[in-house]
Amino acid sequence: MLVDVIIPPVASIIVARAMGPTKLGSFSYVMWLSTAMMALGGGGLQLAARKHLADAAGKQRPDLFRAVLRTCSRYQIGILSLLALGGLALARWGMPSSDCAFASLTMIAILPGGAMSMATAVNNSVQEVRPNVVASVLSALVHTAGMILTVALGWGLIGLAAAHLASRTCDCLVRWKLTAARLPRYLADMGTDPSPLGSKPALPPGLGKIIGSFAAESTVLTLLTLVVWNRSEMFFLKRYCSLDQVAYFAVAFGLSLMPGQLVGPFSRAAGVSVYAERGRDARAGVHVAQVYWRYAVLLVLPACFGLAMLSGPLLRLLYGVRYLQAAPVLMLAASLSMFGPLSDPASSLVIAAGGQRRLVVVSVIAGMGTLILDYFLVRAYAAMGGALANGLGQAISTTAVIILAHRHSFRISPKFVLRVAGAVLGMTALVAAAVRLLPDIAAVIVGPPLGFFAYGLFLRLARVVDENDVERMLQAESLLPRSLRATFRRLLRAVSPASAPVPDQAPTA
């Protein structure tokens, strides 16, 4: 989380100031194309592998685990290779000659960027995320170093593309190396492998067809996810607006992802647990998904609205006067960015429960609605219209997914949502007042701690925290360094109403 939230935004600010909106807009568009193609090549099979690897681990079947991994990896490499070749052809013949070199490097990154997803699926299926974290941290450091060198030495867009390729390659190699080293232990923990030593286990009859169907549906779902969640507005902005508008939207959209990144460690761990627990017991999977959603609401809503209130001072201080038009875009994008993280618990449960086909239907409807909104709103309001279209598309998709998850016993509490919303609105009003009254630098410094303490106060007044929350937090306390436990206990007492008292001793379980 620290790497995702701190290092890339700082480096992107340096690059944005050095390149200017026009060059940044061109690079952002090519990056969006490459990322979309990489997701198409890796996303579908990764979801299929994630589900069936978790099922095999839950059933204590190391032979089945190996067979699923071998089959999915083989097909994924073939698909990614074809997509990378297609991307190179697009860079050579479908783009201006001035963009060919850096676009080609960006398209080559499709192969390592997509190949690492299967290693991620292996680790997630057994709830071991350390290899993923180490690889991501090293990749982010490599990317940041490459961008800083590019700015310092004047390498331009080619340098940025090379930094992107180097980071993807580093991530893929490190992730697979760490995963391969742990794989024998993963398999040993599942029990005795009935297949002969050194053999290549085959999938049971019929399972290959099931995995293929699941992967195809997942690929369609990934495509629709790209439309709804991942900047489909870039296409319309590139077609109907100037490159400056593309840059304004890219900057605002990138910063609007910060609330989701702040809760990223929790979301990744909880998402992994939904799949793993659902593979063992259906009721346990539902329970984890509902607890996951509860804390996503508590964490995401204040972060989104707090960022929205600070959007003007942040952009003026960090990006300078050339990006002032991105401030209202960021305010709108940040306010609506809450829907993405809030959809994850329900969609994880639906996919883990085998309801992916219905999820595809729901996503098709949401995707069509988003594209229609993109067409009309981007043409009318440029980057501002793109942010509004994206947010409304996310709202439609999230609502539909939660309704769909209801079929799998997923329940939400309207009373809980209203109480949290009240606490968030109270916090937002105080932060907005600080932004209005203080200079930019003072607002950026004072706003976050003011919002933090105000949110805690309003949570207590709204009686949001209950006895179950206190019990979970006290169990989590044992994971903290001893020097922080007393502070953690005081904060927990501060937000807990009298009806949910905090005991003097944490449970030892």
Protein backbone atom coordinates (compact mmCIF):
# COMPACT_ATOMS: atom_id res chain seq x y z
CA MET A 1 0.00 0.00 0.00
CA LEU A 2 2.76 2.44 0.92
CA VAL A 3 4.53 1.80 -2.37
CA ASP A 4 1.31 2.15 -4.40
CA VAL A 5 0.13 5.30 -2.64
CA ILE A 6 3.40 7.20 -2.22
CA ILE A 7 6.04 6.30 -4.81
CA PRO A 8 4.14 6.17 -8.14
CA PRO A 9 2.14 9.37 -7.54
CA VAL A 10 5.28 11.28 -6.59
CA ALA A 11 7.08 10.04 -9.71
CA SER A 12 4.04 10.77 -11.88
CA ILE A 13 3.95 14.35 -10.58
CA ILE A 14 7.57 14.81 -11.62
CA VAL A 15 6.84 13.35 -15.06
CA ALA A 16 3.65 15.39 -15.54
CA ARG A 17 5.44 18.64 -14.73
CA ALA A 18 8.33 17.78 -17.04
CA MET A 19 6.29 16.48 -20.01
CA GLY A 20 3.31 18.82 -19.99
CA PRO A 21 -0.34 17.91 -20.71
CA THR A 22 0.06 17.21 -24.44
CA LYS A 23 2.88 14.63 -24.21
CA LEU A 24 1.37 13.13 -21.06
CA GLY A 25 -1.96 12.74 -22.86
CA SER A 26 -0.34 10.83 -25.73
CA PHE A 27 1.54 8.51 -23.36
CA SER A 28 -1.53 7.94 -21.16
CA TYR A 29 -3.57 6.84 -24.17
CA VAL A 30 -0.98 4.26 -25.31
CA MET A 31 -0.59 3.00 -21.73
CA TRP A 32 -4.33 2.55 -21.50
CA LEU A 33 -4.34 0.44 -24.67
CA SER A 34 -1.48 -1.73 -23.43
CA THR A 35 -3.02 -2.22 -20.00
CA ALA A 36 -6.37 -3.15 -21.52
CA MET A 37 -4.78 -5.75 -23.82
CA MET A 38 -2.72 -7.17 -20.95
CA ALA A 39 -5.83 -7.51 -18.79
CA LEU A 40 -7.63 -9.31 -21.60
CA GLY A 41 -4.76 -11.77 -21.96
CA GLY A 42 -4.26 -12.44 -18.28
CA GLY A 43 -7.53 -11.64 -16.55
CA GLY A 44 -9.83 -14.40 -17.78
CA LEU A 45 -7.49 -17.32 -17.22
CA GLN A 46 -6.29 -15.85 -13.94
CA LEU A 47 -9.84 -15.78 -12.55
CA ALA A 48 -10.44 -19.33 -13.78
CA ALA A 49 -7.17 -20.51 -12.24
CA ARG A 50 -7.85 -18.61 -9.02
CA LYS A 51 -11.19 -20.33 -8.52
CA HIS A 52 -10.15 -23.87 -9.49
CA LEU A 53 -6.78 -23.71 -7.74
CA ALA A 54 -8.56 -22.61 -4.55
CA ASP A 55 -11.05 -25.46 -4.98
CA ALA A 56 -8.21 -27.97 -5.42
CA ALA A 57 -6.41 -26.62 -2.34
CA GLY A 58 -9.62 -26.76 -0.31
CA LYS A 59 -10.20 -30.39 -1.38
CA GLN A 60 -6.59 -31.31 -0.51
CA ARG A 61 -5.84 -32.37 -4.10
CA PRO A 62 -2.22 -31.52 -5.01
CA ASP A 63 -2.47 -33.51 -8.25
CA LEU A 64 -5.48 -31.47 -9.37
CA PHE A 65 -3.72 -28.27 -8.30
CA ARG A 66 -0.75 -29.09 -10.52
CA ALA A 67 -2.95 -30.03 -13.47
CA VAL A 68 -4.96 -26.79 -13.32
CA LEU A 69 -1.78 -24.69 -13.02
CA ARG A 70 -0.06 -26.43 -15.92
CA THR A 71 -3.06 -26.16 -18.25
CA CYS A 72 -3.89 -22.53 -17.50
CA SER A 73 -0.26 -21.40 -17.72
CA ARG A 74 0.26 -23.02 -21.11
CA TYR A 75 -2.78 -21.40 -22.68
CA GLN A 76 -2.09 -18.03 -21.09
CA ILE A 77 1.40 -17.75 -22.57
CA GLY A 78 0.00 -18.46 -26.05
CA ILE A 79 -2.75 -15.84 -25.72
CA LEU A 80 -0.38 -13.20 -24.35
CA SER A 81 2.11 -13.80 -27.16
CA LEU A 82 -0.59 -13.24 -29.78
CA LEU A 83 -1.76 -10.07 -28.04
CA ALA A 84 1.79 -8.72 -27.82
CA LEU A 85 2.28 -9.32 -31.55
CA GLY A 86 -1.04 -7.61 -32.25
CA GLY A 87 0.03 -4.68 -30.11
CA LEU A 88 3.30 -4.36 -32.01
CA ALA A 89 1.39 -4.37 -35.31
CA LEU A 90 -0.90 -1.64 -33.97
CA ALA A 91 2.10 0.44 -32.88
CA ARG A 92 3.76 0.03 -36.27
CA TRP A 93 0.83 0.63 -38.60
CA GLY A 94 -1.97 2.13 -36.50
CA MET A 95 -0.22 5.02 -34.77
CA PRO A 96 1.71 8.12 -35.87
CA SER A 97 5.36 7.44 -36.71
CA SER A 98 6.44 9.69 -33.83
CA ASP A 99 4.69 7.34 -31.38
CA CYS A 100 5.89 4.05 -32.88
CA ALA A 101 9.02 3.53 -30.77
CA PHE A 102 7.59 4.16 -27.33
CA ALA A 103 4.31 2.43 -28.24
CA SER A 104 6.23 -0.71 -29.30
CA LEU A 105 8.05 -0.91 -25.96
CA THR A 106 4.75 -0.47 -24.15
CA MET A 107 3.12 -3.27 -26.16
CA ILE A 108 6.01 -5.68 -25.49
CA ALA A 109 5.26 -5.24 -21.77
CA ILE A 110 1.97 -7.09 -22.35
CA LEU A 111 3.77 -10.45 -22.19
CA PRO A 112 5.54 -10.19 -18.80
CA GLY A 113 2.72 -8.08 -17.37
CA GLY A 114 0.13 -10.75 -18.10
CA ALA A 115 2.32 -13.77 -17.34
CA MET A 116 2.80 -12.77 -13.71
CA SER A 117 -0.94 -13.08 -13.07
CA MET A 118 -0.79 -16.89 -12.93
CA ALA A 119 1.81 -16.76 -10.16
CA THR A 120 -0.52 -14.37 -8.34
CA ALA A 121 -3.36 -16.89 -8.70
CA VAL A 122 -1.20 -19.66 -7.22
CA ASN A 123 -0.30 -17.62 -4.14
CA ASN A 124 -3.82 -16.28 -3.64
CA SER A 125 -5.34 -19.75 -3.79
CA VAL A 126 -3.37 -20.80 -0.71
CA GLN A 127 -3.64 -17.38 1.01
CA GLU A 128 0.10 -16.65 0.79
CA VAL A 129 0.58 -13.10 -0.49
CA ARG A 130 4.20 -12.44 0.47
CA PRO A 131 5.63 -13.27 -3.01
CA ASN A 132 3.08 -10.93 -4.61
CA VAL A 133 3.96 -8.11 -2.22
CA VAL A 134 7.72 -8.45 -2.64
CA ALA A 135 7.45 -8.53 -6.44
CA SER A 136 5.11 -5.52 -6.51
CA VAL A 137 7.37 -3.45 -4.28
CA LEU A 138 10.47 -4.17 -6.36
CA SER A 139 8.55 -3.48 -9.57
CA ALA A 140 7.34 -0.11 -8.28
CA LEU A 141 10.87 0.86 -7.26
CA VAL A 142 12.23 -0.07 -10.69
CA HIS A 143 9.46 1.90 -12.40
CA THR A 144 10.03 4.95 -10.25
CA ALA A 145 13.80 4.88 -10.79
CA GLY A 146 13.26 4.60 -14.54
CA MET A 147 10.88 7.58 -14.62
CA ILE A 148 13.22 9.77 -12.58
CA LEU A 149 16.14 8.88 -14.85
CA THR A 150 13.99 9.66 -17.87
CA VAL A 151 13.21 13.13 -16.59
CA ALA A 152 16.77 13.80 -15.46
CA LEU A 153 18.41 12.64 -18.70
CA GLY A 154 15.72 13.82 -21.11
CA TRP A 155 14.82 10.41 -22.58
CA GLY A 156 11.24 11.49 -23.24
CA LEU A 157 8.39 9.08 -23.96
CA ILE A 158 10.77 6.27 -24.98
CA GLY A 159 12.34 6.40 -21.53
CA LEU A 160 8.93 6.22 -19.84
CA ALA A 161 7.97 3.19 -21.96
CA ALA A 162 11.30 1.49 -21.20
CA ALA A 163 10.76 2.07 -17.46
CA HIS A 164 7.31 0.49 -17.75
CA LEU A 165 8.71 -2.56 -19.58
CA ALA A 166 11.54 -2.97 -17.07
CA SER A 167 9.15 -2.85 -14.11
CA ARG A 168 6.78 -5.42 -15.64
CA THR A 169 9.67 -7.74 -16.44
CA CYS A 170 11.08 -7.39 -12.92
CA ASP A 171 7.69 -8.12 -11.38
CA CYS A 172 7.14 -11.21 -13.53
CA LEU A 173 10.59 -12.72 -12.88
CA VAL A 174 10.62 -12.07 -9.13
CA ARG A 175 7.01 -13.20 -8.63
CA TRP A 176 7.52 -16.47 -10.49
CA LYS A 177 10.87 -17.16 -8.81
CA LEU A 178 9.40 -16.75 -5.32
CA THR A 179 6.27 -18.71 -6.26
CA ALA A 180 8.24 -21.59 -7.78
CA ALA A 181 10.37 -21.80 -4.63
CA ARG A 182 7.25 -22.11 -2.46
CA LEU A 183 5.21 -24.36 -4.72
CA PRO A 184 6.57 -27.68 -3.30
CA ARG A 185 5.55 -26.55 0.19
CA TYR A 186 2.10 -25.53 -1.04
CA LEU A 187 1.61 -28.98 -2.55
CA ALA A 188 3.00 -30.80 0.50
CA ASP A 189 0.57 -28.95 2.79
CA MET A 190 -2.33 -30.32 0.72
CA GLY A 191 -1.40 -33.94 1.46
CA THR A 192 -0.02 -36.87 -0.50
CA ASP A 193 0.08 -36.55 -4.27
CA PRO A 194 -1.41 -39.74 -5.77
CA SER A 195 0.15 -39.16 -9.22
CA PRO A 196 3.44 -40.93 -10.07
CA LEU A 197 6.67 -39.07 -9.24
CA GLY A 198 7.76 -36.79 -12.07
CA SER A 199 4.52 -37.22 -14.02
CA LYS A 200 2.42 -34.46 -15.54
CA PRO A 201 -1.07 -34.90 -14.12
CA ALA A 202 -3.94 -34.36 -16.53
CA LEU A 203 -7.22 -32.69 -15.78
CA PRO A 204 -10.12 -34.99 -14.90
CA PRO A 205 -12.55 -35.60 -17.78
CA GLY A 206 -14.83 -32.63 -18.31
CA LEU A 207 -12.90 -30.23 -16.09
CA GLY A 208 -10.99 -28.73 -19.01
CA LYS A 209 -14.26 -27.75 -20.66
CA ILE A 210 -15.50 -26.22 -17.41
CA ILE A 211 -12.30 -24.22 -16.99
CA GLY A 212 -12.40 -23.11 -20.62
CA SER A 213 -16.00 -21.94 -20.30
CA PHE A 214 -15.19 -20.15 -17.05
CA ALA A 215 -12.13 -18.49 -18.62
CA ALA A 216 -14.15 -17.35 -21.65
CA GLU A 217 -16.81 -15.83 -19.40
CA SER A 218 -14.07 -14.26 -17.28
CA THR A 219 -12.49 -12.73 -20.37
CA VAL A 220 -15.80 -11.20 -21.36
CA LEU A 221 -16.17 -9.98 -17.79
CA THR A 222 -12.66 -8.50 -17.90
CA LEU A 223 -13.51 -6.68 -21.13
CA LEU A 224 -16.64 -5.27 -19.56
CA THR A 225 -14.69 -4.36 -16.43
CA LEU A 226 -12.30 -2.37 -18.60
CA VAL A 227 -15.28 -0.51 -20.04
CA VAL A 228 -16.94 0.22 -16.69
CA TRP A 229 -13.99 0.64 -14.34
CA ASN A 230 -10.83 1.29 -16.29
CA ARG A 231 -10.94 4.49 -18.35
CA SER A 232 -12.93 3.57 -21.44
CA GLU A 233 -13.41 7.33 -21.56
CA MET A 234 -9.84 7.63 -22.86
CA PHE A 235 -10.98 6.41 -26.28
CA PHE A 236 -13.71 9.03 -26.53
CA LEU A 237 -11.49 11.79 -25.16
CA LYS A 238 -8.79 10.95 -27.71
CA ARG A 239 -11.36 11.01 -30.52
CA TYR A 240 -13.42 14.07 -29.61
CA CYS A 241 -11.16 16.24 -27.43
CA SER A 242 -7.62 17.59 -27.26
CA LEU A 243 -4.70 15.67 -25.77
CA ASP A 244 -4.75 18.16 -22.89
CA GLN A 245 -8.19 16.87 -21.90
CA VAL A 246 -6.85 13.31 -22.05
CA ALA A 247 -4.09 14.36 -19.64
CA TYR A 248 -6.51 16.13 -17.27
CA PHE A 249 -8.68 13.03 -17.10
CA ALA A 250 -5.67 10.71 -16.68
CA VAL A 251 -4.25 12.79 -13.82
CA ALA A 252 -7.61 13.06 -12.04
CA PHE A 253 -8.51 9.41 -12.55
CA GLY A 254 -5.09 8.28 -11.31
CA LEU A 255 -5.39 10.31 -8.12
CA SER A 256 -8.99 9.17 -7.59
CA LEU A 257 -7.69 5.60 -7.24
CA MET A 258 -5.84 6.51 -4.03
CA PRO A 259 -8.73 5.65 -1.66
CA GLY A 260 -8.91 2.18 -3.19
CA GLN A 261 -5.14 1.86 -2.84
CA LEU A 262 -5.30 2.90 0.81
CA VAL A 263 -7.55 -0.06 1.58
CA GLY A 264 -5.67 -2.26 -0.90
CA PRO A 265 -3.91 -4.50 1.68
CA PHE A 266 -7.21 -5.25 3.41
CA SER A 267 -9.07 -5.75 0.12
CA ARG A 268 -6.47 -8.10 -1.33
CA ALA A 269 -6.35 -10.21 1.82
CA ALA A 270 -10.14 -10.29 2.19
CA GLY A 271 -10.66 -11.12 -1.49
CA VAL A 272 -8.23 -14.03 -1.23
CA SER A 273 -10.09 -15.28 1.85
CA VAL A 274 -13.47 -15.17 0.09
CA TYR A 275 -12.22 -17.60 -2.56
CA ALA A 276 -10.33 -19.81 -0.14
CA GLU A 277 -13.11 -20.01 2.49
CA ARG A 278 -15.78 -20.55 -0.19
CA GLY A 279 -13.69 -23.48 -1.46
CA ARG A 280 -13.95 -25.04 2.02
CA ASP A 281 -17.45 -24.07 3.09
CA ALA A 282 -20.18 -22.00 1.39
CA ARG A 283 -21.40 -20.29 4.57
CA ALA A 284 -17.88 -19.29 5.56
CA GLY A 285 -17.40 -17.65 2.17
CA VAL A 286 -20.58 -15.59 2.62
CA HIS A 287 -19.55 -14.55 6.12
CA VAL A 288 -16.12 -13.36 4.96
CA ALA A 289 -17.68 -11.45 2.04
CA GLN A 290 -20.11 -9.61 4.32
CA VAL A 291 -17.43 -8.68 6.86
CA TYR A 292 -15.22 -7.59 3.92
CA TRP A 293 -18.01 -5.31 2.65
CA ARG A 294 -18.66 -3.81 6.09
CA TYR A 295 -15.07 -2.65 6.54
CA ALA A 296 -14.78 -1.56 2.91
CA VAL A 297 -17.65 0.86 3.56
CA LEU A 298 -16.03 2.13 6.76
CA LEU A 299 -12.67 2.71 5.09
CA VAL A 300 -13.48 3.81 1.53
CA LEU A 301 -16.23 6.40 1.99
CA PRO A 302 -14.27 8.86 4.18
CA ALA A 303 -11.16 8.51 2.00
CA CYS A 304 -13.10 9.29 -1.20
CA PHE A 305 -14.93 12.34 0.11
CA GLY A 306 -11.89 13.64 1.96
CA LEU A 307 -9.84 13.49 -1.25
CA ALA A 308 -12.65 15.23 -3.14
CA MET A 309 -12.56 18.16 -0.71
CA LEU A 310 -8.77 18.46 -1.00
CA SER A 311 -8.70 18.16 -4.81
CA GLY A 312 -8.15 21.86 -5.54
CA PRO A 313 -5.27 22.48 -3.12
CA LEU A 314 -3.61 19.17 -4.05
CA LEU A 315 -3.54 19.86 -7.78
CA ARG A 316 -2.44 23.45 -7.38
CA LEU A 317 0.45 22.45 -5.12
CA LEU A 318 1.55 19.25 -6.83
CA TYR A 319 0.94 19.70 -10.54
CA GLY A 320 1.02 23.47 -11.02
CA VAL A 321 -1.04 25.91 -13.04
CA ARG A 322 -0.94 23.85 -16.26
CA TYR A 323 -3.22 21.27 -14.63
CA LEU A 324 -5.71 23.57 -12.90
CA GLN A 325 -8.53 22.38 -15.17
CA ALA A 326 -8.12 18.89 -13.69
CA ALA A 327 -9.23 20.06 -10.20
CA PRO A 328 -13.02 19.84 -10.72
CA VAL A 329 -12.47 16.57 -12.62
CA LEU A 330 -10.65 15.13 -9.59
CA MET A 331 -13.35 16.33 -7.18
CA LEU A 332 -16.02 14.51 -9.16
CA ALA A 333 -13.93 11.41 -9.87
CA ALA A 334 -12.86 11.05 -6.23
CA SER A 335 -16.44 11.35 -4.95
CA LEU A 336 -17.63 8.61 -7.31
CA SER A 337 -14.59 6.35 -6.94
CA MET A 338 -16.11 4.68 -3.87
CA PHE A 339 -18.19 2.33 -6.00
CA GLY A 340 -15.23 0.31 -7.29
CA PRO A 341 -13.98 -0.99 -3.91
CA LEU A 342 -17.56 -1.47 -2.69
CA SER A 343 -18.35 -3.86 -5.55
CA ASP A 344 -15.38 -6.15 -4.86
CA PRO A 345 -16.82 -8.16 -1.92
CA ALA A 346 -20.03 -9.01 -3.76
CA SER A 347 -18.34 -9.82 -7.08
CA SER A 348 -15.73 -12.01 -5.33
CA LEU A 349 -18.51 -14.01 -3.69
CA VAL A 350 -20.49 -14.37 -6.92
CA ILE A 351 -17.47 -15.63 -8.86
CA ALA A 352 -16.35 -17.95 -6.05
CA ALA A 353 -19.88 -19.38 -5.89
CA GLY A 354 -19.95 -20.11 -9.64
CA GLY A 355 -22.37 -17.33 -10.55
CA GLN A 356 -20.08 -15.77 -13.10
CA ARG A 357 -22.44 -16.16 -16.05
CA ARG A 358 -25.04 -13.96 -14.38
CA LEU A 359 -22.28 -11.52 -13.50
CA VAL A 360 -21.38 -11.31 -17.19
CA VAL A 361 -24.99 -10.46 -18.09
CA VAL A 362 -25.11 -7.75 -15.44
CA SER A 363 -21.77 -6.37 -16.59
CA VAL A 364 -22.91 -6.28 -20.23
CA ILE A 365 -25.82 -4.07 -19.24
CA ALA A 366 -23.59 -1.83 -17.12
CA GLY A 367 -20.97 -1.69 -19.88
CA MET A 368 -23.49 -0.65 -22.52
CA GLY A 369 -24.82 2.04 -20.21
CA THR A 370 -21.30 3.31 -19.55
CA LEU A 371 -20.42 3.52 -23.25
CA ILE A 372 -23.61 5.46 -23.96
CA LEU A 373 -22.80 7.85 -21.12
CA ASP A 374 -19.23 8.16 -22.40
CA TYR A 375 -20.38 9.11 -25.89
CA PHE A 376 -22.74 11.85 -24.83
CA LEU A 377 -21.01 13.22 -21.73
CA VAL A 378 -17.46 13.28 -23.10
CA ARG A 379 -18.56 15.08 -26.26
CA ALA A 380 -20.46 17.64 -24.19
CA TYR A 381 -18.16 18.15 -21.18
CA ALA A 382 -14.75 16.67 -22.16
CA ALA A 383 -12.74 15.41 -19.15
CA MET A 384 -15.47 16.42 -16.69
CA GLY A 385 -17.99 14.40 -18.67
CA GLY A 386 -15.61 11.45 -18.69
CA ALA A 387 -15.36 11.48 -14.89
CA LEU A 388 -19.14 11.69 -14.55
CA ALA A 389 -19.74 8.89 -17.07
CA ASN A 390 -17.20 6.64 -15.37
CA GLY A 391 -18.67 7.26 -11.92
CA LEU A 392 -22.25 6.67 -13.03
CA GLY A 393 -21.20 3.47 -14.81
CA GLN A 394 -19.52 2.26 -11.63
CA ALA A 395 -22.64 3.07 -9.60
CA ILE A 396 -24.84 1.08 -11.99
CA SER A 397 -22.48 -1.89 -11.97
CA THR A 398 -21.99 -1.95 -8.19
CA THR A 399 -25.72 -1.80 -7.49
CA ALA A 400 -26.41 -4.62 -9.95
CA VAL A 401 -23.62 -6.82 -8.55
CA ILE A 402 -24.86 -6.41 -4.96
CA ILE A 403 -28.38 -7.34 -6.08
CA LEU A 404 -26.93 -10.40 -7.83
CA ALA A 405 -24.93 -11.41 -4.76
CA HIS A 406 -28.20 -11.42 -2.82
CA ARG A 407 -28.94 -14.73 -4.58
CA HIS A 408 -25.93 -16.19 -2.76
CA SER A 409 -27.13 -15.03 0.70
CA PHE A 410 -25.10 -11.79 0.63
CA ARG A 411 -26.87 -9.18 2.79
CA ILE A 412 -26.20 -5.52 3.55
CA SER A 413 -27.66 -3.36 6.30
CA PRO A 414 -29.25 -0.07 5.10
CA LYS A 415 -29.18 1.18 8.68
CA PHE A 416 -25.42 0.64 8.85
CA VAL A 417 -24.87 2.41 5.50
CA LEU A 418 -26.94 5.42 6.58
CA ARG A 419 -25.04 5.75 9.85
CA VAL A 420 -21.67 5.63 8.10
CA ALA A 421 -22.92 8.11 5.47
CA GLY A 422 -23.93 10.51 8.24
CA ALA A 423 -20.49 10.28 9.84
CA VAL A 424 -18.82 10.83 6.46
CA LEU A 425 -20.94 13.89 5.66
CA GLY A 426 -20.10 15.45 9.02
CA MET A 427 -16.39 14.87 8.40
CA THR A 428 -16.67 16.23 4.83
CA ALA A 429 -18.26 19.46 6.03
CA LEU A 430 -15.41 20.14 8.46
CA VAL A 431 -12.70 19.38 5.87
CA ALA A 432 -14.47 21.59 3.31
CA ALA A 433 -14.53 24.45 5.81
CA ALA A 434 -10.80 24.03 6.43
CA VAL A 435 -10.09 24.09 2.67
CA ARG A 436 -12.15 27.24 2.25
CA LEU A 437 -10.55 29.11 5.16
CA LEU A 438 -6.90 28.03 4.93
CA PRO A 439 -4.17 28.51 2.31
CA ASP A 440 -3.51 25.54 0.05
CA ILE A 441 -0.49 24.15 1.86
CA ALA A 442 -2.15 24.53 5.27
CA ALA A 443 -5.33 22.84 3.99
CA VAL A 444 -3.36 19.87 2.67
CA ILE A 445 -1.51 19.52 5.99
CA VAL A 446 -4.47 20.09 8.31
CA GLY A 447 -7.22 18.42 6.25
CA PRO A 448 -6.29 14.70 6.63
CA PRO A 449 -5.78 14.66 10.44
CA LEU A 450 -8.85 16.86 10.92
CA GLY A 451 -10.90 14.46 8.80
CA PHE A 452 -9.49 11.43 10.67
CA PHE A 453 -10.44 12.69 14.13
CA ALA A 454 -13.77 14.13 12.98
CA TYR A 455 -14.72 10.82 11.36
CA GLY A 456 -13.90 8.95 14.56
CA LEU A 457 -16.05 11.35 16.58
CA PHE A 458 -19.01 11.04 14.23
CA LEU A 459 -18.66 7.23 14.17
CA ARG A 460 -19.06 7.26 17.95
CA LEU A 461 -22.03 9.63 17.84
CA ALA A 462 -23.72 7.53 15.12
CA ARG A 463 -23.05 4.32 17.14
CA VAL A 464 -21.58 2.56 14.12
CA VAL A 465 -19.07 0.34 15.93
CA ASP A 466 -20.61 -2.71 17.64
CA GLU A 467 -19.41 -5.53 19.87
CA ASN A 468 -18.33 -7.71 16.94
CA ASP A 469 -16.16 -4.90 15.58
CA VAL A 470 -14.51 -4.48 18.96
CA GLU A 471 -13.79 -8.21 19.19
CA ARG A 472 -12.24 -8.28 15.70
CA MET A 473 -10.12 -5.22 16.37
CA LEU A 474 -8.85 -6.62 19.64
CA GLN A 475 -7.79 -9.81 17.87
CA ALA A 476 -5.99 -7.69 15.27
CA GLU A 477 -4.25 -5.78 18.05
CA SER A 478 -1.96 -8.73 18.74
CA LEU A 479 -0.42 -8.25 15.27
CA LEU A 480 0.75 -4.72 16.12
CA PRO A 481 4.13 -3.85 17.70
CA ARG A 482 3.81 -3.59 21.47
CA SER A 483 4.62 0.12 21.40
CA LEU A 484 1.50 0.80 19.29
CA ARG A 485 -1.00 -1.35 21.15
CA ALA A 486 -1.86 1.19 23.84
CA THR A 487 -2.49 3.87 21.23
CA PHE A 488 -4.59 1.45 19.20
CA ARG A 489 -6.64 0.60 22.31
CA ARG A 490 -7.27 4.30 23.04
CA LEU A 491 -8.40 4.93 19.45
CA LEU A 492 -10.73 1.95 19.62
CA ARG A 493 -12.25 3.25 22.86
CA ALA A 494 -12.67 6.68 21.26
CA VAL A 495 -14.85 5.42 18.40
CA SER A 496 -16.75 2.77 20.38
CA PRO A 497 -20.01 3.79 22.07
CA ALA A 498 -20.87 2.70 25.60
CA SER A 499 -22.91 -0.20 24.16
CA ALA A 500 -19.69 -1.71 22.75
CA PRO A 501 -17.19 -1.43 25.64
CA VAL A 502 -13.51 -2.18 25.09
CA PRO A 503 -12.21 -4.60 27.75
CA ASP A 504 -8.90 -3.99 29.50
CA GLN A 505 -7.40 -7.23 28.16
CA ALA A 506 -7.45 -8.40 24.55
CA PRO A 507 -8.56 -11.97 23.85
CA THR A 508 -5.68 -14.45 23.57
CA ALA A 509 -7.22 -16.62 20.86
